[in-house]
């Protein structure tokens, strides 16, 4: 039996000129996670929304990371992904080499496993739009 995640407007960084409704479960979940991981914590509170929503991965750009920071950030990003009710498990791996951080996120939802993996500094809307 297929899982129905409903539908949502396709928008990651802005609302388009026309409303493109998405029903593909993997794209829906991926865009929801992408919005979570590019919204600063509390960024939606000013408009009366969830003050605990978001963990902006862009804060890791050009950051110096100690091993304890990496472990802590992996746990925080995993916890933020798990706030999405359609996610049953999340694994986050941050690698830091020669001043470059890469984040690998593996998610399992009711629709099945998929991965969102790329260096943070290369994250663009184009990676999420697969239609």
N, C-alpha and C. Protein backbone atom coordinates (compact mmCIF):
# COMPACT_ATOMS: atom_id res chain seq x y z
N UNK A 1 0.83 -1.18 0.00
CA UNK A 1 0.00 0.00 0.00
C UNK A 1 0.88 1.24 0.00
N UNK A 2 0.62 2.17 -0.87
CA UNK A 2 1.40 3.40 -0.97
C UNK A 2 1.08 4.33 0.19
N UNK A 3 2.11 5.04 0.62
CA UNK A 3 1.94 6.01 1.69
C UNK A 3 1.58 7.36 1.09
N UNK A 4 0.55 7.98 1.60
CA UNK A 4 0.13 9.29 1.10
C UNK A 4 0.61 10.36 2.07
N UNK A 5 1.54 11.18 1.63
CA UNK A 5 2.03 12.29 2.44
C UNK A 5 1.30 13.58 2.10
N UNK A 6 0.27 13.51 1.30
CA UNK A 6 -0.47 14.71 0.91
C UNK A 6 0.21 15.44 -0.22
N UNK A 7 0.06 16.75 -0.23
CA UNK A 7 0.71 17.56 -1.25
C UNK A 7 1.15 18.87 -0.63
N UNK A 8 2.08 19.53 -1.31
CA UNK A 8 2.63 20.77 -0.81
C UNK A 8 3.07 21.59 -2.01
N UNK A 9 3.17 22.89 -1.80
CA UNK A 9 3.70 23.75 -2.85
C UNK A 9 5.20 23.53 -2.93
N UNK A 10 5.71 23.47 -4.15
CA UNK A 10 7.13 23.31 -4.35
C UNK A 10 7.82 24.63 -4.10
N UNK A 11 8.50 24.72 -2.97
CA UNK A 11 9.29 25.92 -2.69
C UNK A 11 10.31 25.57 -1.62
N UNK A 12 11.54 25.91 -1.89
CA UNK A 12 12.59 25.67 -0.92
C UNK A 12 13.06 27.01 -0.36
N UNK A 13 13.42 27.93 -1.24
CA UNK A 13 13.92 29.22 -0.77
C UNK A 13 12.93 30.35 -1.01
N UNK A 14 11.94 30.15 -1.87
CA UNK A 14 10.98 31.20 -2.16
C UNK A 14 9.76 30.57 -2.84
N UNK A 15 8.67 31.29 -2.83
CA UNK A 15 7.47 30.83 -3.52
C UNK A 15 7.58 31.23 -4.98
N UNK A 16 7.34 30.29 -5.87
CA UNK A 16 7.47 30.56 -7.30
C UNK A 16 6.36 31.45 -7.82
N UNK A 17 6.48 31.84 -9.08
CA UNK A 17 5.47 32.69 -9.71
C UNK A 17 4.16 31.96 -9.91
N UNK A 18 4.22 30.64 -10.00
CA UNK A 18 3.00 29.84 -10.08
C UNK A 18 3.12 28.71 -9.07
N UNK A 19 1.99 28.21 -8.63
CA UNK A 19 1.96 27.19 -7.60
C UNK A 19 2.10 25.81 -8.22
N UNK A 20 3.22 25.17 -8.00
CA UNK A 20 3.46 23.83 -8.49
C UNK A 20 3.25 22.86 -7.34
N UNK A 21 2.20 22.08 -7.40
CA UNK A 21 1.89 21.14 -6.33
C UNK A 21 2.67 19.84 -6.53
N UNK A 22 3.28 19.37 -5.47
CA UNK A 22 4.06 18.14 -5.50
C UNK A 22 3.33 17.08 -4.69
N UNK A 23 3.26 15.87 -5.22
CA UNK A 23 2.66 14.76 -4.49
C UNK A 23 3.63 13.59 -4.31
N UNK A 24 4.80 13.63 -4.98
CA UNK A 24 5.78 12.55 -4.85
C UNK A 24 6.29 12.53 -3.41
N UNK A 25 6.12 11.41 -2.68
CA UNK A 25 6.49 11.38 -1.26
C UNK A 25 7.95 11.70 -0.99
N UNK A 26 8.85 11.23 -1.82
CA UNK A 26 10.28 11.47 -1.58
C UNK A 26 10.60 12.94 -1.75
N UNK A 27 10.06 13.59 -2.77
CA UNK A 27 10.31 15.02 -2.97
C UNK A 27 9.68 15.83 -1.84
N UNK A 28 8.47 15.46 -1.42
CA UNK A 28 7.81 16.17 -0.32
C UNK A 28 8.65 16.12 0.96
N UNK A 29 9.07 14.92 1.32
CA UNK A 29 9.85 14.76 2.55
C UNK A 29 11.20 15.46 2.42
N UNK A 30 11.85 15.31 1.28
CA UNK A 30 13.16 15.94 1.08
C UNK A 30 13.06 17.46 1.18
N UNK A 31 12.03 18.06 0.59
CA UNK A 31 11.88 19.50 0.67
C UNK A 31 11.55 19.95 2.10
N UNK A 32 10.78 19.17 2.82
CA UNK A 32 10.48 19.52 4.22
C UNK A 32 11.75 19.49 5.06
N UNK A 33 12.59 18.48 4.85
CA UNK A 33 13.85 18.40 5.59
C UNK A 33 14.78 19.53 5.17
N UNK A 34 14.84 19.82 3.88
CA UNK A 34 15.69 20.91 3.40
C UNK A 34 15.27 22.24 4.01
N UNK A 35 13.98 22.48 4.11
CA UNK A 35 13.51 23.72 4.75
C UNK A 35 13.90 23.74 6.22
N UNK A 36 13.80 22.60 6.90
CA UNK A 36 14.21 22.52 8.31
C UNK A 36 15.68 22.85 8.48
N UNK A 37 16.51 22.35 7.56
CA UNK A 37 17.95 22.47 7.71
C UNK A 37 18.52 23.73 7.06
N UNK A 38 17.66 24.62 6.59
CA UNK A 38 18.12 25.92 6.09
C UNK A 38 17.36 27.06 6.76
N UNK A 39 16.65 26.76 7.84
CA UNK A 39 15.94 27.77 8.62
C UNK A 39 16.62 27.89 9.97
N UNK A 40 17.06 29.09 10.35
CA UNK A 40 17.67 29.25 11.68
C UNK A 40 16.67 28.90 12.78
N UNK A 41 17.15 28.29 13.86
CA UNK A 41 16.30 27.94 15.00
C UNK A 41 15.56 29.19 15.47
N UNK A 42 14.25 29.08 15.55
CA UNK A 42 13.42 30.19 16.00
C UNK A 42 13.10 31.20 14.92
N UNK A 43 13.55 30.97 13.71
CA UNK A 43 13.33 31.91 12.61
C UNK A 43 11.86 32.08 12.25
N UNK A 44 11.04 31.11 12.57
CA UNK A 44 9.61 31.20 12.26
C UNK A 44 8.79 31.75 13.43
N UNK A 45 9.43 31.91 14.59
CA UNK A 45 8.70 32.40 15.77
C UNK A 45 8.17 33.81 15.56
N UNK A 46 8.88 34.62 14.77
CA UNK A 46 8.45 36.00 14.56
C UNK A 46 7.14 36.10 13.78
N UNK A 47 6.75 35.02 13.10
CA UNK A 47 5.48 35.00 12.38
C UNK A 47 4.47 34.10 13.08
N UNK A 48 4.73 33.83 14.36
CA UNK A 48 3.79 33.06 15.16
C UNK A 48 3.85 31.56 14.96
N UNK A 49 4.92 31.07 14.34
CA UNK A 49 5.04 29.63 14.11
C UNK A 49 5.95 29.00 15.17
N UNK A 50 6.30 27.75 14.98
CA UNK A 50 7.06 26.97 15.95
C UNK A 50 8.42 27.60 16.26
N UNK A 51 8.66 28.02 17.50
CA UNK A 51 9.94 28.63 17.85
C UNK A 51 11.09 27.62 17.92
N UNK A 52 10.79 26.33 17.90
CA UNK A 52 11.82 25.29 17.94
C UNK A 52 12.09 24.66 16.58
N UNK A 53 11.53 25.26 15.52
CA UNK A 53 11.72 24.73 14.16
C UNK A 53 13.06 25.22 13.61
N UNK A 54 13.79 24.32 12.99
CA UNK A 54 14.96 24.69 12.22
C UNK A 54 16.30 24.46 12.88
N UNK A 55 17.28 24.20 12.03
CA UNK A 55 18.69 24.10 12.41
C UNK A 55 19.46 24.40 11.14
N UNK A 56 19.96 25.60 11.00
CA UNK A 56 20.56 26.06 9.75
C UNK A 56 21.97 25.49 9.56
N UNK A 57 22.10 24.53 8.64
CA UNK A 57 23.40 23.91 8.39
C UNK A 57 24.40 24.89 7.79
N UNK A 58 23.92 26.00 7.27
CA UNK A 58 24.83 26.98 6.68
C UNK A 58 25.74 27.62 7.72
N UNK A 59 25.42 27.47 9.00
CA UNK A 59 26.29 27.99 10.04
C UNK A 59 27.62 27.24 10.10
N UNK A 60 27.69 26.09 9.45
CA UNK A 60 28.93 25.31 9.43
C UNK A 60 29.89 25.77 8.34
N UNK A 61 29.43 26.63 7.44
CA UNK A 61 30.31 27.12 6.37
C UNK A 61 31.43 27.95 6.99
N UNK A 62 32.66 27.62 6.65
CA UNK A 62 33.87 28.30 7.14
C UNK A 62 34.06 28.19 8.65
N UNK A 63 33.39 27.26 9.30
CA UNK A 63 33.55 27.08 10.74
C UNK A 63 34.71 26.13 11.03
N UNK A 64 35.42 26.41 12.09
CA UNK A 64 36.44 25.47 12.58
C UNK A 64 35.72 24.49 13.50
N UNK A 65 35.88 23.21 13.22
CA UNK A 65 35.15 22.19 13.97
C UNK A 65 36.09 21.27 14.72
N UNK A 66 35.92 21.21 16.02
CA UNK A 66 36.64 20.23 16.83
C UNK A 66 35.86 18.92 16.77
N UNK A 67 36.51 17.79 17.06
CA UNK A 67 35.79 16.51 17.05
C UNK A 67 34.54 16.52 17.92
N UNK A 68 34.60 17.19 19.08
CA UNK A 68 33.42 17.24 19.94
C UNK A 68 32.30 18.06 19.29
N UNK A 69 32.66 19.11 18.52
CA UNK A 69 31.66 19.90 17.80
C UNK A 69 30.96 19.05 16.75
N UNK A 70 31.74 18.26 16.04
CA UNK A 70 31.18 17.41 14.98
C UNK A 70 30.16 16.44 15.57
N UNK A 71 30.52 15.79 16.66
CA UNK A 71 29.60 14.85 17.32
C UNK A 71 28.34 15.56 17.77
N UNK A 72 28.50 16.72 18.38
CA UNK A 72 27.37 17.49 18.87
C UNK A 72 26.45 17.93 17.72
N UNK A 73 27.03 18.43 16.63
CA UNK A 73 26.23 18.88 15.48
C UNK A 73 25.52 17.72 14.81
N UNK A 74 26.17 16.57 14.72
CA UNK A 74 25.52 15.39 14.13
C UNK A 74 24.27 15.04 14.93
N UNK A 75 24.37 15.08 16.25
CA UNK A 75 23.22 14.77 17.10
C UNK A 75 22.12 15.81 16.94
N UNK A 76 22.49 17.09 16.87
CA UNK A 76 21.49 18.14 16.73
C UNK A 76 20.76 18.06 15.39
N UNK A 77 21.51 17.79 14.31
CA UNK A 77 20.88 17.69 12.98
C UNK A 77 19.99 16.45 12.91
N UNK A 78 20.45 15.35 13.50
CA UNK A 78 19.62 14.14 13.55
C UNK A 78 18.31 14.42 14.29
N UNK A 79 18.41 15.09 15.42
CA UNK A 79 17.21 15.42 16.20
C UNK A 79 16.26 16.32 15.41
N UNK A 80 16.81 17.26 14.65
CA UNK A 80 15.96 18.15 13.85
C UNK A 80 15.26 17.35 12.74
N UNK A 81 15.97 16.43 12.10
CA UNK A 81 15.34 15.59 11.06
C UNK A 81 14.23 14.73 11.65
N UNK A 82 14.44 14.23 12.86
CA UNK A 82 13.45 13.36 13.49
C UNK A 82 12.20 14.11 13.92
N UNK A 83 12.23 15.43 13.94
CA UNK A 83 11.03 16.21 14.25
C UNK A 83 9.99 16.09 13.13
N UNK A 84 10.45 15.77 11.93
CA UNK A 84 9.53 15.56 10.80
C UNK A 84 8.81 14.24 11.03
N UNK A 85 7.51 14.29 11.16
CA UNK A 85 6.75 13.10 11.55
C UNK A 85 6.81 11.96 10.53
N UNK A 86 7.19 12.23 9.30
CA UNK A 86 7.26 11.17 8.29
C UNK A 86 8.60 10.44 8.31
N UNK A 87 9.53 10.86 9.14
CA UNK A 87 10.85 10.23 9.22
C UNK A 87 10.85 9.20 10.35
N UNK A 88 11.24 7.96 10.01
CA UNK A 88 11.31 6.93 11.04
C UNK A 88 12.72 6.77 11.59
N UNK A 89 13.75 7.13 10.80
CA UNK A 89 15.12 7.13 11.32
C UNK A 89 15.98 8.06 10.47
N UNK A 90 17.01 8.61 11.12
CA UNK A 90 17.92 9.53 10.44
C UNK A 90 19.34 9.25 10.92
N UNK A 91 20.28 9.27 9.98
CA UNK A 91 21.69 9.12 10.30
C UNK A 91 22.43 10.28 9.65
N UNK A 92 23.15 11.04 10.47
CA UNK A 92 23.88 12.21 9.98
C UNK A 92 25.36 11.99 10.22
N UNK A 93 26.16 12.21 9.17
CA UNK A 93 27.60 12.09 9.27
C UNK A 93 28.22 13.38 8.76
N UNK A 94 29.03 14.00 9.60
CA UNK A 94 29.76 15.20 9.19
C UNK A 94 31.22 14.82 9.06
N UNK A 95 31.80 15.08 7.91
CA UNK A 95 33.23 14.87 7.72
C UNK A 95 33.87 16.23 7.56
N UNK A 96 35.03 16.38 8.15
CA UNK A 96 35.74 17.66 8.14
C UNK A 96 37.19 17.37 7.79
N UNK A 97 37.60 17.88 6.63
CA UNK A 97 38.96 17.62 6.17
C UNK A 97 39.47 18.85 5.43
N UNK A 98 40.65 19.27 5.78
CA UNK A 98 41.31 20.41 5.13
C UNK A 98 40.40 21.64 5.10
N UNK A 99 39.67 21.88 6.18
CA UNK A 99 38.82 23.06 6.27
C UNK A 99 37.50 22.96 5.53
N UNK A 100 37.20 21.78 5.01
CA UNK A 100 35.95 21.59 4.28
C UNK A 100 35.05 20.62 5.03
N UNK A 101 33.84 21.05 5.30
CA UNK A 101 32.87 20.18 5.98
C UNK A 101 31.87 19.66 4.96
N UNK A 102 31.56 18.38 5.06
CA UNK A 102 30.52 17.77 4.24
C UNK A 102 29.54 17.07 5.18
N UNK A 103 28.27 17.19 4.84
CA UNK A 103 27.24 16.55 5.64
C UNK A 103 26.53 15.51 4.79
N UNK A 104 26.45 14.29 5.32
CA UNK A 104 25.72 13.22 4.67
C UNK A 104 24.54 12.87 5.56
N UNK A 105 23.35 12.90 4.97
CA UNK A 105 22.14 12.60 5.73
C UNK A 105 21.41 11.46 5.06
N UNK A 106 21.22 10.38 5.80
CA UNK A 106 20.43 9.25 5.30
C UNK A 106 19.14 9.20 6.10
N UNK A 107 18.04 9.20 5.40
CA UNK A 107 16.72 9.21 6.03
C UNK A 107 15.93 7.99 5.61
N UNK A 108 15.13 7.48 6.52
CA UNK A 108 14.19 6.42 6.18
C UNK A 108 12.81 6.92 6.57
N UNK A 109 11.93 6.91 5.59
CA UNK A 109 10.56 7.33 5.85
C UNK A 109 9.63 6.17 5.54
N UNK A 110 8.36 6.40 5.72
CA UNK A 110 7.38 5.37 5.40
C UNK A 110 7.39 5.05 3.91
N UNK A 111 7.91 5.98 3.09
CA UNK A 111 7.98 5.76 1.65
C UNK A 111 9.22 4.98 1.25
N UNK A 112 10.13 4.70 2.18
CA UNK A 112 11.33 3.95 1.89
C UNK A 112 12.58 4.77 2.11
N UNK A 113 13.78 4.16 1.99
CA UNK A 113 15.02 4.88 2.26
C UNK A 113 15.44 5.77 1.09
N UNK A 114 16.06 6.89 1.43
CA UNK A 114 16.69 7.75 0.44
C UNK A 114 17.75 8.57 1.14
N UNK A 115 18.65 9.15 0.36
CA UNK A 115 19.75 9.92 0.93
C UNK A 115 19.80 11.31 0.33
N UNK A 116 20.23 12.25 1.13
CA UNK A 116 20.49 13.61 0.68
C UNK A 116 21.92 13.87 1.10
N UNK A 117 22.85 13.79 0.13
CA UNK A 117 24.26 13.90 0.44
C UNK A 117 24.93 14.87 -0.50
N UNK A 118 25.56 15.90 0.06
CA UNK A 118 26.36 16.84 -0.70
C UNK A 118 27.06 17.77 0.26
N UNK A 119 28.13 18.42 -0.18
CA UNK A 119 28.80 19.40 0.68
C UNK A 119 27.88 20.58 0.96
N UNK A 120 27.88 21.07 2.18
CA UNK A 120 26.98 22.16 2.58
C UNK A 120 27.14 23.36 1.66
N UNK A 121 28.36 23.72 1.32
CA UNK A 121 28.58 24.92 0.51
C UNK A 121 28.04 24.77 -0.91
N UNK A 122 27.74 23.55 -1.35
CA UNK A 122 27.20 23.32 -2.69
C UNK A 122 25.69 23.20 -2.71
N UNK A 123 25.04 23.35 -1.57
CA UNK A 123 23.60 23.17 -1.47
C UNK A 123 22.86 24.26 -2.24
N UNK A 124 22.08 23.85 -3.24
CA UNK A 124 21.25 24.78 -4.00
C UNK A 124 19.88 24.15 -4.19
N UNK A 125 18.95 24.96 -4.62
CA UNK A 125 17.60 24.45 -4.89
C UNK A 125 17.62 23.41 -6.01
N UNK A 126 18.56 23.49 -6.92
CA UNK A 126 18.61 22.56 -8.05
C UNK A 126 18.78 21.11 -7.59
N UNK A 127 19.48 20.88 -6.47
CA UNK A 127 19.67 19.52 -6.00
C UNK A 127 18.36 18.88 -5.53
N UNK A 128 17.42 19.67 -5.11
CA UNK A 128 16.19 19.12 -4.56
C UNK A 128 15.09 18.96 -5.62
N UNK A 129 15.14 19.74 -6.69
CA UNK A 129 14.11 19.65 -7.72
C UNK A 129 14.49 18.58 -8.71
N UNK A 130 13.82 17.45 -8.66
CA UNK A 130 14.18 16.31 -9.51
C UNK A 130 13.11 16.00 -10.55
N UNK A 131 12.18 16.90 -10.77
CA UNK A 131 11.12 16.62 -11.74
C UNK A 131 11.40 17.28 -13.05
